[in-house]
Amino acid sequence: MNMKVILNKDISTLGEEGDIREVAKGYARNFLFPRGIALPYTTRTLKLFEERKEEIAERKKLKREDAASVKERLETLELSITMPAGANGKLYGAVTSHSIMEELAKAGFQIERKRIDIPGNTIKSVGKYKFTVKLYGNAAAEMFISIAAQEVKPAAKDTHSKDRRKRYNEARHDNAVPVENSSPETAPAAADTPALDHDANAGPVAEIETPPVAAVTPVETEASAAAE
């Protein structure tokens, strides 16, 4: 069910201060009344607003004058945004009312996002577009925004890593030591290498000089120490 209310504040979706509107009871009780946006339409509240009629009319006049001034300044302003786009002009993303709100803020205009009306809600291609900024009452500014394409450069190839890898491989190749074939046909016979027979009672072991093996230090065992 609906009920009548008197607006205590301006609200873009309903009207101006002092206007009488009919709204859903739940909307009035859960939203309008708790926030002081409206009051129930009763004999008492109607009389209250009648007493404030001249005051409200004066405020409305000032608001309309201010809206007319803002409208004039906005319509002399042309916005521009540069965004990444493909070769066909399609944007990598979209321009929204929030995007335009931020651009207006940069120009010194604090406009609510919900007051910005873009045909189709979003802009997805480069070009010049018209949009509307709703102000106080019936006042609205007709504005334009130009969307330009930002060049998207391909990612640079990592040539440094390839050069470092190439130099590393060349260095490994230059320092590599040839490995002899250890197959049975070419491997030296085990018999060609003198065996070291170590007798615990024979005393120190003689040193054998061979290129790949370090000199062996004489080893003194417990048995040889006992023999002495």
Foldseek 3Di string as FASTA:
>chain_A
DKFKKAFCAADPVAGGHRDIDIDRPCCCVVPCVVVVGIGGDDPVVNVVCVVCVVVRVVVLVVQVVVLVVVQVVQAVDEAEDEAADDPVFFGPDKQALVNVCVRVVVVPDRADSVQKAFVVRIGGGFAKGWIWGDGHDRRIHIYMYGYHHDDDDDDDDPVVVVVVVVVVVVVCVVPPDDDDDCDPVPNDDPVVDDDFDDDLQPFFGDWDDDVVDDTDDTDHDPNNVVVD
